[in-house]
């Protein structure tokens, strides 16, 4: 069975959920933190993984 899980990425500034992604929970234990474009803030901001 695959360990990949679908995760949601939330903007750290406006708290909007903008992206969905896959993550292998066996190899990556900590939460993801990526710099992505937020269409609500209209700029590149840090997006972190939510529950």
PDB file of N, CA and C in Angstrom:
ATOM      1  N   UNK A   1       0.845  -1.188   0.000  1.00  0.00           N
ATOM      2  CA  UNK A   1       0.000   0.000   0.000  1.00  0.00           C
ATOM      3  C   UNK A   1       0.884   1.243   0.000  1.00  0.00           C
ATOM      4  N   UNK A   2       0.487   2.206  -0.748  1.00  0.00           N
ATOM      5  CA  UNK A   2       1.284   3.422  -0.896  1.00  0.00           C
ATOM      6  C   UNK A   2       1.216   4.289   0.356  1.00  0.00           C
ATOM      7  N   UNK A   3       2.339   4.933   0.679  1.00  0.00           N
ATOM      8  CA  UNK A   3       2.403   5.837   1.821  1.00  0.00           C
ATOM      9  C   UNK A   3       2.154   7.281   1.411  1.00  0.00           C
ATOM     10  N   UNK A   4       1.896   7.513   0.106  1.00  0.00           N
ATOM     11  CA  UNK A   4       1.632   8.880  -0.350  1.00  0.00           C
ATOM     12  C   UNK A   4       0.282   9.353   0.155  1.00  0.00           C
ATOM     13  N   UNK A   5       0.250  10.578   0.609  1.00  0.00           N
ATOM     14  CA  UNK A   5      -0.996  11.163   1.091  1.00  0.00           C
ATOM     15  C   UNK A   5      -1.199  12.517   0.420  1.00  0.00           C
ATOM     16  N   UNK A   6      -2.449  12.882   0.213  1.00  0.00           N
ATOM     17  CA  UNK A   6      -2.756  14.192  -0.341  1.00  0.00           C
ATOM     18  C   UNK A   6      -2.746  15.193   0.807  1.00  0.00           C
ATOM     19  N   UNK A   7      -2.004  16.289   0.616  1.00  0.00           N
ATOM     20  CA  UNK A   7      -1.906  17.321   1.639  1.00  0.00           C
ATOM     21  C   UNK A   7      -2.399  18.643   1.078  1.00  0.00           C
ATOM     22  N   UNK A   8      -2.799  19.557   1.959  1.00  0.00           N
ATOM     23  CA  UNK A   8      -3.233  20.896   1.566  1.00  0.00           C
ATOM     24  C   UNK A   8      -2.172  21.892   1.985  1.00  0.00           C
ATOM     25  N   UNK A   9      -1.910  22.879   1.131  1.00  0.00           N
ATOM     26  CA  UNK A   9      -0.947  23.932   1.440  1.00  0.00           C
ATOM     27  C   UNK A   9      -1.693  25.242   1.660  1.00  0.00           C
ATOM     28  N   UNK A  10      -1.418  25.888   2.795  1.00  0.00           N
ATOM     29  CA  UNK A  10      -2.122  27.098   3.202  1.00  0.00           C
ATOM     30  C   UNK A  10      -1.157  28.272   3.226  1.00  0.00           C
ATOM     31  N   UNK A  11      -1.614  29.423   2.734  1.00  0.00           N
ATOM     32  CA  UNK A  11      -0.813  30.640   2.749  1.00  0.00           C
ATOM     33  C   UNK A  11      -0.606  31.095   4.197  1.00  0.00           C
ATOM     34  N   UNK A  12       0.606  31.496   4.537  1.00  0.00           N
ATOM     35  CA  UNK A  12       0.884  31.913   5.910  1.00  0.00           C
ATOM     36  C   UNK A  12       0.406  33.334   6.191  1.00  0.00           C
ATOM     37  N   UNK A  13       0.161  34.121   5.149  1.00  0.00           N
ATOM     38  CA  UNK A  13      -0.273  35.503   5.361  1.00  0.00           C
ATOM     39  C   UNK A  13      -1.793  35.641   5.419  1.00  0.00           C
ATOM     40  N   UNK A  14      -2.506  35.117   4.407  1.00  0.00           N
ATOM     41  CA  UNK A  14      -3.962  35.301   4.365  1.00  0.00           C
ATOM     42  C   UNK A  14      -4.729  34.063   4.830  1.00  0.00           C
ATOM     43  N   UNK A  15      -4.039  32.955   5.112  1.00  0.00           N
ATOM     44  CA  UNK A  15      -4.636  31.715   5.629  1.00  0.00           C
ATOM     45  C   UNK A  15      -5.609  31.037   4.668  1.00  0.00           C
ATOM     46  N   UNK A  16      -5.464  31.280   3.364  1.00  0.00           N
ATOM     47  CA  UNK A  16      -6.293  30.617   2.356  1.00  0.00           C
ATOM     48  C   UNK A  16      -5.613  29.329   1.906  1.00  0.00           C
ATOM     49  N   UNK A  17      -6.399  28.272   1.688  1.00  0.00           N
ATOM     50  CA  UNK A  17      -5.864  27.015   1.163  1.00  0.00           C
ATOM     51  C   UNK A  17      -5.855  27.124  -0.352  1.00  0.00           C
ATOM     52  N   UNK A  18      -4.654  27.117  -0.955  1.00  0.00           N
ATOM     53  CA  UNK A  18      -4.503  27.357  -2.380  1.00  0.00           C
ATOM     54  C   UNK A  18      -4.082  26.139  -3.179  1.00  0.00           C
ATOM     55  N   UNK A  19      -3.344  25.226  -2.599  1.00  0.00           N
ATOM     56  CA  UNK A  19      -2.742  24.127  -3.347  1.00  0.00           C
ATOM     57  C   UNK A  19      -2.987  22.793  -2.666  1.00  0.00           C
ATOM     58  N   UNK A  20      -3.038  21.735  -3.480  1.00  0.00           N
ATOM     59  CA  UNK A  20      -3.037  20.355  -3.016  1.00  0.00           C
ATOM     60  C   UNK A  20      -1.791  19.698  -3.581  1.00  0.00           C
ATOM     61  N   UNK A  21      -1.206  18.776  -2.830  1.00  0.00           N
ATOM     62  CA  UNK A  21       0.006  18.110  -3.274  1.00  0.00           C
ATOM     63  C   UNK A  21       0.052  16.710  -2.672  1.00  0.00           C
ATOM     64  N   UNK A  22       1.048  15.925  -3.099  1.00  0.00           N
ATOM     65  CA  UNK A  22       1.284  14.588  -2.552  1.00  0.00           C
ATOM     66  C   UNK A  22       2.538  14.601  -1.716  1.00  0.00           C
ATOM     67  N   UNK A  23       2.545  13.773  -0.668  1.00  0.00           N
ATOM     68  CA  UNK A  23       3.720  13.665   0.187  1.00  0.00           C
ATOM     69  C   UNK A  23       3.835  12.229   0.664  1.00  0.00           C
ATOM     70  N   UNK A  24       5.046  11.681   0.618  1.00  0.00           N
ATOM     71  CA  UNK A  24       5.303  10.357   1.152  1.00  0.00           C
ATOM     72  C   UNK A  24       5.581  10.503   2.646  1.00  0.00           C
ATOM     73  N   UNK A  25       4.669  10.027   3.474  1.00  0.00           N
ATOM     74  CA  UNK A  25       4.776  10.210   4.918  1.00  0.00           C
ATOM     75  C   UNK A  25       5.876   9.361   5.545  1.00  0.00           C
ATOM     76  N   UNK A  26       6.331   8.345   4.820  1.00  0.00           N
ATOM     77  CA  UNK A  26       7.387   7.512   5.368  1.00  0.00           C
ATOM     78  C   UNK A  26       8.752   8.191   5.278  1.00  0.00           C
ATOM     79  N   UNK A  27       8.980   8.939   4.199  1.00  0.00           N
ATOM     80  CA  UNK A  27      10.281   9.575   4.010  1.00  0.00           C
ATOM     81  C   UNK A  27      10.329  11.003   4.543  1.00  0.00           C
ATOM     82  N   UNK A  28       9.199  11.702   4.536  1.00  0.00           N
ATOM     83  CA  UNK A  28       9.147  13.084   5.022  1.00  0.00           C
ATOM     84  C   UNK A  28       8.287  13.140   6.273  1.00  0.00           C
ATOM     85  N   UNK A  29       8.928  13.220   7.428  1.00  0.00           N
ATOM     86  CA  UNK A  29       8.189  13.226   8.697  1.00  0.00           C
ATOM     87  C   UNK A  29       7.676  14.618   9.053  1.00  0.00           C
ATOM     88  N   UNK A  30       8.485  15.671   8.791  1.00  0.00           N
ATOM     89  CA  UNK A  30       8.075  17.031   9.162  1.00  0.00           C
ATOM     90  C   UNK A  30       7.131  17.611   8.114  1.00  0.00           C
ATOM     91  N   UNK A  31       6.494  18.721   8.464  1.00  0.00           N
ATOM     92  CA  UNK A  31       5.549  19.367   7.554  1.00  0.00           C
ATOM     93  C   UNK A  31       6.280  20.146   6.472  1.00  0.00           C
ATOM     94  N   UNK A  32       5.672  20.172   5.287  1.00  0.00           N
ATOM     95  CA  UNK A  32       6.254  20.906   4.167  1.00  0.00           C
ATOM     96  C   UNK A  32       6.055  22.404   4.337  1.00  0.00           C
ATOM     97  N   UNK A  33       7.025  23.169   3.868  1.00  0.00           N
ATOM     98  CA  UNK A  33       6.938  24.620   3.867  1.00  0.00           C
ATOM     99  C   UNK A  33       7.548  25.089   2.547  1.00  0.00           C
ATOM    100  N   UNK A  34       6.692  25.523   1.601  1.00  0.00           N
ATOM    101  CA  UNK A  34       7.134  25.899   0.267  1.00  0.00           C
ATOM    102  C   UNK A  34       6.774  27.340  -0.034  1.00  0.00           C
ATOM    103  N   UNK A  35       7.562  27.964  -0.907  1.00  0.00           N
ATOM    104  CA  UNK A  35       7.251  29.318  -1.343  1.00  0.00           C
ATOM    105  C   UNK A  35       6.490  29.215  -2.663  1.00  0.00           C
ATOM    106  N   UNK A  36       5.209  29.624  -2.651  1.00  0.00           N
ATOM    107  CA  UNK A  36       4.334  29.509  -3.810  1.00  0.00           C
ATOM    108  C   UNK A  36       3.615  30.838  -4.030  1.00  0.00           C
ATOM    109  N   UNK A  37       2.968  30.958  -5.207  1.00  0.00           N
ATOM    110  CA  UNK A  37       2.211  32.158  -5.515  1.00  0.00           C
ATOM    111  C   UNK A  37       0.813  32.061  -4.919  1.00  0.00           C
ATOM    112  N   UNK A  38       0.394  33.092  -4.206  1.00  0.00           N
ATOM    113  CA  UNK A  38      -0.956  33.162  -3.630  1.00  0.00           C
ATOM    114  C   UNK A  38      -1.792  34.103  -4.492  1.00  0.00           C
ATOM    115  N   UNK A  39      -2.894  33.584  -5.043  1.00  0.00           N
ATOM    116  CA  UNK A  39      -3.718  34.413  -5.912  1.00  0.00           C
ATOM    117  C   UNK A  39      -4.552  35.423  -5.129  1.00  0.00           C
ATOM    118  N   UNK A  40      -4.704  35.223  -3.828  1.00  0.00           N
ATOM    119  CA  UNK A  40      -5.451  36.165  -3.001  1.00  0.00           C
ATOM    120  C   UNK A  40      -4.567  37.328  -2.558  1.00  0.00           C
ATOM    121  N   UNK A  41      -3.316  37.032  -2.174  1.00  0.00           N
ATOM    122  CA  UNK A  41      -2.356  38.084  -1.807  1.00  0.00           C
ATOM    123  C   UNK A  41      -1.718  38.718  -3.048  1.00  0.00           C
ATOM    124  N   UNK A  42      -1.764  38.002  -4.166  1.00  0.00           N
ATOM    125  CA  UNK A  42      -1.158  38.402  -5.441  1.00  0.00           C
ATOM    126  C   UNK A  42       0.352  38.585  -5.333  1.00  0.00           C
ATOM    127  N   UNK A  43       1.015  37.680  -4.588  1.00  0.00           N
ATOM    128  CA  UNK A  43       2.475  37.684  -4.482  1.00  0.00           C
ATOM    129  C   UNK A  43       2.946  36.303  -4.024  1.00  0.00           C
ATOM    130  N   UNK A  44       4.240  36.077  -4.090  1.00  0.00           N
ATOM    131  CA  UNK A  44       4.824  34.823  -3.625  1.00  0.00           C
ATOM    132  C   UNK A  44       4.963  34.874  -2.115  1.00  0.00           C
ATOM    133  N   UNK A  45       4.387  33.882  -1.443  1.00  0.00           N
ATOM    134  CA  UNK A  45       4.457  33.791   0.005  1.00  0.00           C
ATOM    135  C   UNK A  45       4.770  32.354   0.411  1.00  0.00           C
ATOM    136  N   UNK A  46       5.091  32.170   1.673  1.00  0.00           N
ATOM    137  CA  UNK A  46       5.339  30.838   2.200  1.00  0.00           C
ATOM    138  C   UNK A  46       3.999  30.131   2.397  1.00  0.00           C
ATOM    139  N   UNK A  47       3.936  28.899   1.953  1.00  0.00           N
ATOM    140  CA  UNK A  47       2.755  28.050   2.135  1.00  0.00           C
ATOM    141  C   UNK A  47       3.178  26.850   2.966  1.00  0.00           C
ATOM    142  N   UNK A  48       2.442  26.571   4.034  1.00  0.00           N
ATOM    143  CA  UNK A  48       2.794  25.418   4.842  1.00  0.00           C
ATOM    144  C   UNK A  48       1.669  24.389   4.847  1.00  0.00           C
ATOM    145  N   UNK A  49       2.043  23.170   5.152  1.00  0.00           N
ATOM    146  CA  UNK A  49       1.126  22.040   5.129  1.00  0.00           C
ATOM    147  C   UNK A  49       0.132  22.135   6.295  1.00  0.00           C
ATOM    148  N   UNK A  50      -1.134  21.856   5.997  1.00  0.00           N
ATOM    149  CA  UNK A  50      -2.157  21.839   7.036  1.00  0.00           C
ATOM    150  C   UNK A  50      -2.562  20.408   7.318  1.00  0.00           C
ATOM    151  N   UNK A  51      -3.408  20.222   8.299  1.00  0.00           N
ATOM    152  CA  UNK A  51      -3.871  18.878   8.676  1.00  0.00           C
ATOM    153  C   UNK A  51      -4.818  18.320   7.638  1.00  0.00           C
TER     154      UNK A  51
END
